[in-house]
Amino acid sequence: MNITAELTKLDEVLKFMQTNVTGEVSEQWNTVQLTLALLEKEAKRLLLPWGYVRQKSTSLRYHLAVLFGVEDDGGHTQQMHVVWALGDIQALRSEHCFGPALDREARGARHGDDWKTVQ
C-alpha cells in the first residue's frame, strides 16, 4: 500500500470540498470512506499505535462528514472543520502514526527499489 498516495487523496478531497459545493460529492465521500478504511487496515498491519490512529481517523471522518453535509456541524463554521481535518491529516502523517512508514517509502523511492513492509 502506498500510504503517501492515500493521504494525498484525503488532501485532494479536502481541497475539492473547499471549492465545490455541489457536483461529485457522493463519489468524493466514497473515496474518503474507502481511503480511511484502507489506512486503518494498514495501521493494524504495521502494528502502529492503534488508539491514536483510530482517534485521528475517526476525528477526520467526522470533520469531513460535516463538510459533506452528512453530520451536524456542532455549531462550528465550515472553515473550522477544514482546519481540524487538516490537523488530523497532519497527525496521521506524524511520527506517532504513519511517519516512519512514510520515511521508509520515501527512502525506497529514492533508491529505486520496492519498499515492502513486514508482512
Protein backbone atom coordinates (compact mmCIF):
# COMPACT_ATOMS: atom_id res chain seq x y z
CA MET A 1 0.00 0.00 0.00
CA ASN A 2 1.26 3.47 -0.84
CA ILE A 3 0.46 5.43 2.32
CA THR A 4 1.62 8.71 0.79
CA ALA A 5 -0.85 8.33 -2.07
CA GLU A 6 -3.71 7.50 0.30
CA LEU A 7 -3.05 10.55 2.49
CA THR A 8 -2.75 12.70 -0.64
CA LYS A 9 -6.23 11.52 -1.67
CA LEU A 10 -7.55 12.94 1.60
CA ASP A 11 -5.79 16.25 0.91
CA GLU A 12 -7.37 16.36 -2.55
CA VAL A 13 -10.85 15.63 -1.22
CA LEU A 14 -10.49 18.42 1.31
CA LYS A 15 -9.40 20.85 -1.44
CA PHE A 16 -12.34 19.68 -3.56
CA MET A 17 -14.77 20.35 -0.72
CA GLN A 18 -13.40 23.87 -0.24
CA THR A 19 -14.01 24.77 -3.88
CA ASN A 20 -17.10 22.75 -4.84
CA VAL A 21 -20.41 22.94 -3.06
CA THR A 22 -22.18 20.63 -5.49
CA GLY A 23 -21.09 18.07 -8.03
CA GLU A 24 -19.37 14.76 -7.48
CA VAL A 25 -19.86 14.85 -3.73
CA SER A 26 -21.02 11.24 -3.32
CA GLU A 27 -18.01 9.96 -5.26
CA GLN A 28 -15.70 12.05 -3.08
CA TRP A 29 -17.40 10.82 0.10
CA ASN A 30 -16.93 7.22 -1.07
CA THR A 31 -13.24 7.99 -1.63
CA VAL A 32 -12.97 9.27 1.95
CA GLN A 33 -14.64 6.19 3.40
CA LEU A 34 -12.51 3.78 1.38
CA THR A 35 -9.25 5.65 1.99
CA LEU A 36 -9.79 5.81 5.76
CA ALA A 37 -10.70 2.12 5.88
CA LEU A 38 -7.52 1.25 3.95
CA LEU A 39 -5.38 3.42 6.22
CA GLU A 40 -6.91 1.86 9.34
CA LYS A 41 -6.26 -1.62 7.97
CA GLU A 42 -2.67 -0.68 7.12
CA ALA A 43 -2.14 0.80 10.60
CA LYS A 44 -3.15 -2.50 12.15
CA ARG A 45 -0.90 -4.44 9.77
CA LEU A 46 2.07 -2.20 10.59
CA LEU A 47 1.30 -2.53 14.32
CA LEU A 48 1.00 1.25 14.72
CA PRO A 49 -0.39 2.69 17.97
CA TRP A 50 -3.99 1.80 17.18
CA GLY A 51 -5.68 4.05 19.75
CA TYR A 52 -4.08 7.21 18.36
CA VAL A 53 -4.55 6.22 14.72
CA ARG A 54 -8.19 5.35 15.37
CA GLN A 55 -8.77 8.62 17.24
CA LYS A 56 -7.35 10.69 14.36
CA SER A 57 -9.11 8.74 11.62
CA THR A 58 -12.44 8.94 13.49
CA SER A 59 -11.99 12.66 14.02
CA LEU A 60 -11.06 13.17 10.37
CA ARG A 61 -14.07 11.13 9.23
CA TYR A 62 -16.35 13.34 11.37
CA HIS A 63 -14.93 16.66 10.13
CA LEU A 64 -15.12 15.54 6.51
CA ALA A 65 -18.66 14.26 7.09
CA VAL A 66 -19.61 17.76 8.28
CA LEU A 67 -18.13 19.23 5.11
CA PHE A 68 -20.11 16.74 3.04
CA GLY A 69 -23.30 17.57 4.92
CA VAL A 70 -23.56 14.07 6.41
CA GLU A 71 -23.07 15.19 10.04
CA ASP A 72 -24.22 18.18 12.07
CA ASP A 73 -21.59 20.93 12.34
CA GLY A 74 -21.91 21.19 16.12
CA GLY A 75 -22.30 24.96 15.89
CA HIS A 76 -18.91 25.48 14.27
CA THR A 77 -18.13 27.04 10.90
CA GLN A 78 -17.19 25.00 7.86
CA GLN A 79 -13.76 26.64 7.96
CA MET A 80 -13.14 25.37 11.49
CA HIS A 81 -13.91 21.83 10.34
CA VAL A 82 -11.48 22.31 7.43
CA VAL A 83 -8.77 23.37 9.88
CA TRP A 84 -9.47 20.42 12.17
CA ALA A 85 -9.49 18.00 9.23
CA LEU A 86 -6.12 19.36 8.06
CA GLY A 87 -4.78 18.86 11.59
CA ASP A 88 -5.99 15.25 11.61
CA ILE A 89 -4.35 14.54 8.25
CA GLN A 90 -1.13 16.07 9.55
CA ALA A 91 -1.36 13.95 12.69
CA LEU A 92 -1.72 10.82 10.54
CA ARG A 93 1.50 11.84 8.77
CA SER A 94 3.29 12.41 12.08
CA GLU A 95 5.90 10.21 13.73
CA HIS A 96 3.16 8.93 16.05
CA CYS A 97 1.23 7.39 13.15
CA PHE A 98 2.39 6.76 9.61
CA GLY A 99 5.52 8.97 9.72
CA PRO A 100 8.09 6.14 10.00
CA ALA A 101 6.36 4.17 7.23
CA LEU A 102 6.29 7.29 5.04
CA ASP A 103 10.02 7.77 5.63
CA ARG A 104 10.67 4.17 4.54
CA GLU A 105 8.50 4.66 1.44
CA ALA A 106 10.47 7.79 0.54
CA ARG A 107 13.82 6.05 1.03
CA GLY A 108 12.68 3.16 -1.14
CA ALA A 109 11.55 5.53 -3.87
CA ARG A 110 14.87 7.40 -3.79
CA HIS A 111 16.83 4.17 -4.11
CA GLY A 112 14.61 2.83 -6.88
CA ASP A 113 13.71 -0.32 -5.02
CA ASP A 114 10.35 -1.62 -3.92
CA TRP A 115 9.91 -0.97 -0.23
CA LYS A 116 8.00 -3.73 1.45
CA THR A 117 6.66 -3.70 4.95
CA VAL A 118 6.83 -6.57 7.38
CA GLN A 119 4.07 -8.98 6.49
